[in-house]
């Protein structure tokens, strides 16, 4: 299961949003069913962040979504965002082999 989250910070809150998201990556690293959790920042708009998440299965994603630190993340981010958090779910069809 693939999840793509797009986060757009208020201009004056960009540094705080970035710091909060980076801290979240370290917390998620401990989750067994989370295969990847990668934070990106737009080169065109530094207020835009993208989280690319990969989970072993639906149960792993559900576990992640119900962790206390995920709930805290949402509460912390909401007032710092220029627009609502955008989350899309995808089914992986193909991937490049490891090099």
Protein backbone atom coordinates (compact mmCIF):
# COMPACT_ATOMS: atom_id res chain seq x y z
CA UNK A 1 0.00 0.00 0.00
CA UNK A 2 1.32 3.41 -0.97
CA UNK A 3 0.28 6.67 0.67
CA UNK A 4 1.17 10.12 -0.63
CA UNK A 5 0.56 13.04 1.70
CA UNK A 6 0.90 16.62 0.50
CA UNK A 7 1.43 19.25 3.17
CA UNK A 8 1.40 22.99 2.47
CA UNK A 9 2.63 25.20 5.29
CA UNK A 10 1.68 28.79 5.93
CA UNK A 11 4.67 30.84 4.79
CA UNK A 12 5.54 31.97 8.33
CA UNK A 13 5.22 28.39 9.65
CA UNK A 14 7.38 26.61 7.06
CA UNK A 15 10.36 26.01 9.38
CA UNK A 16 8.13 24.61 12.14
CA UNK A 17 6.29 22.30 9.73
CA UNK A 18 9.59 21.04 8.34
CA UNK A 19 10.99 20.39 11.83
CA UNK A 20 7.80 18.59 12.92
CA UNK A 21 7.77 16.36 9.84
CA UNK A 22 11.46 15.46 10.19
CA UNK A 23 10.83 14.45 13.81
CA UNK A 24 7.95 12.26 12.67
CA UNK A 25 10.18 10.29 10.30
CA UNK A 26 12.32 9.13 13.24
CA UNK A 27 9.24 7.95 15.14
CA UNK A 28 7.79 6.04 12.20
CA UNK A 29 11.10 4.28 11.61
CA UNK A 30 10.27 2.00 14.56
CA UNK A 31 7.09 0.63 12.92
CA UNK A 32 7.58 -2.91 11.60
CA UNK A 33 5.00 -2.71 8.82
CA UNK A 34 6.18 0.62 7.45
CA UNK A 35 8.50 -0.13 4.54
CA UNK A 36 9.37 3.48 3.69
CA UNK A 37 8.46 6.93 4.95
CA UNK A 38 10.26 9.58 2.94
CA UNK A 39 9.90 13.33 3.37
CA UNK A 40 10.43 15.64 0.38
CA UNK A 41 10.37 19.44 0.01
CA UNK A 42 9.32 21.12 -3.21
CA UNK A 43 12.07 22.86 -5.15
CA UNK A 44 9.49 25.18 -6.72
CA UNK A 45 7.53 26.06 -3.55
CA UNK A 46 9.46 25.65 -0.27
CA UNK A 47 6.17 25.67 1.68
CA UNK A 48 5.13 22.37 0.07
CA UNK A 49 6.16 19.02 1.50
CA UNK A 50 5.41 15.53 0.27
CA UNK A 51 5.50 12.34 2.32
CA UNK A 52 5.87 9.13 0.33
CA UNK A 53 4.84 6.20 2.50
CA UNK A 54 4.91 2.48 1.78
CA UNK A 55 3.25 -0.11 4.02
CA UNK A 56 3.38 -3.90 4.05
CA UNK A 57 -0.42 -4.06 4.08
CA UNK A 58 -3.62 -2.30 5.16
CA UNK A 59 -3.16 -3.41 8.79
CA UNK A 60 0.25 -1.73 8.90
CA UNK A 61 -1.22 1.51 7.58
CA UNK A 62 -4.07 1.30 10.09
CA UNK A 63 -1.56 0.74 12.91
CA UNK A 64 0.44 3.80 11.80
CA UNK A 65 -2.70 5.94 11.59
CA UNK A 66 -3.72 5.04 15.15
CA UNK A 67 -0.38 5.71 16.87
CA UNK A 68 -0.39 8.49 19.49
CA UNK A 69 2.39 10.32 17.66
CA UNK A 70 0.37 10.37 14.42
CA UNK A 71 -2.56 11.93 16.27
CA UNK A 72 -0.21 14.51 17.79
CA UNK A 73 1.26 15.25 14.36
CA UNK A 74 -2.16 16.05 12.91
CA UNK A 75 -3.07 18.27 15.90
CA UNK A 76 0.25 20.11 15.70
CA UNK A 77 0.21 20.60 11.93
CA UNK A 78 -3.39 21.68 11.35
CA UNK A 79 -3.03 25.29 12.58
CA UNK A 80 0.30 25.63 10.71
CA UNK A 81 -1.08 24.70 7.29
CA UNK A 82 -2.13 27.01 4.46
CA UNK A 83 -4.63 24.40 3.27
CA UNK A 84 -5.91 21.05 4.50
CA UNK A 85 -3.61 18.04 4.44
CA UNK A 86 -4.05 16.06 1.20
CA UNK A 87 -3.77 12.26 1.43
CA UNK A 88 -4.05 9.84 -1.50
CA UNK A 89 -3.88 6.04 -1.36
CA UNK A 90 -2.33 4.03 -4.19
CA UNK A 91 -1.82 0.42 -5.18
CA UNK A 92 1.74 -0.33 -6.30
CA UNK A 93 1.87 -1.88 -9.77
CA UNK A 94 5.59 -2.09 -10.56
CA UNK A 95 8.91 -0.99 -9.13
CA UNK A 96 12.51 -0.78 -10.18
CA UNK A 97 14.71 -3.58 -8.83
CA UNK A 98 17.32 -2.68 -6.19
CA UNK A 99 20.67 -1.75 -7.61
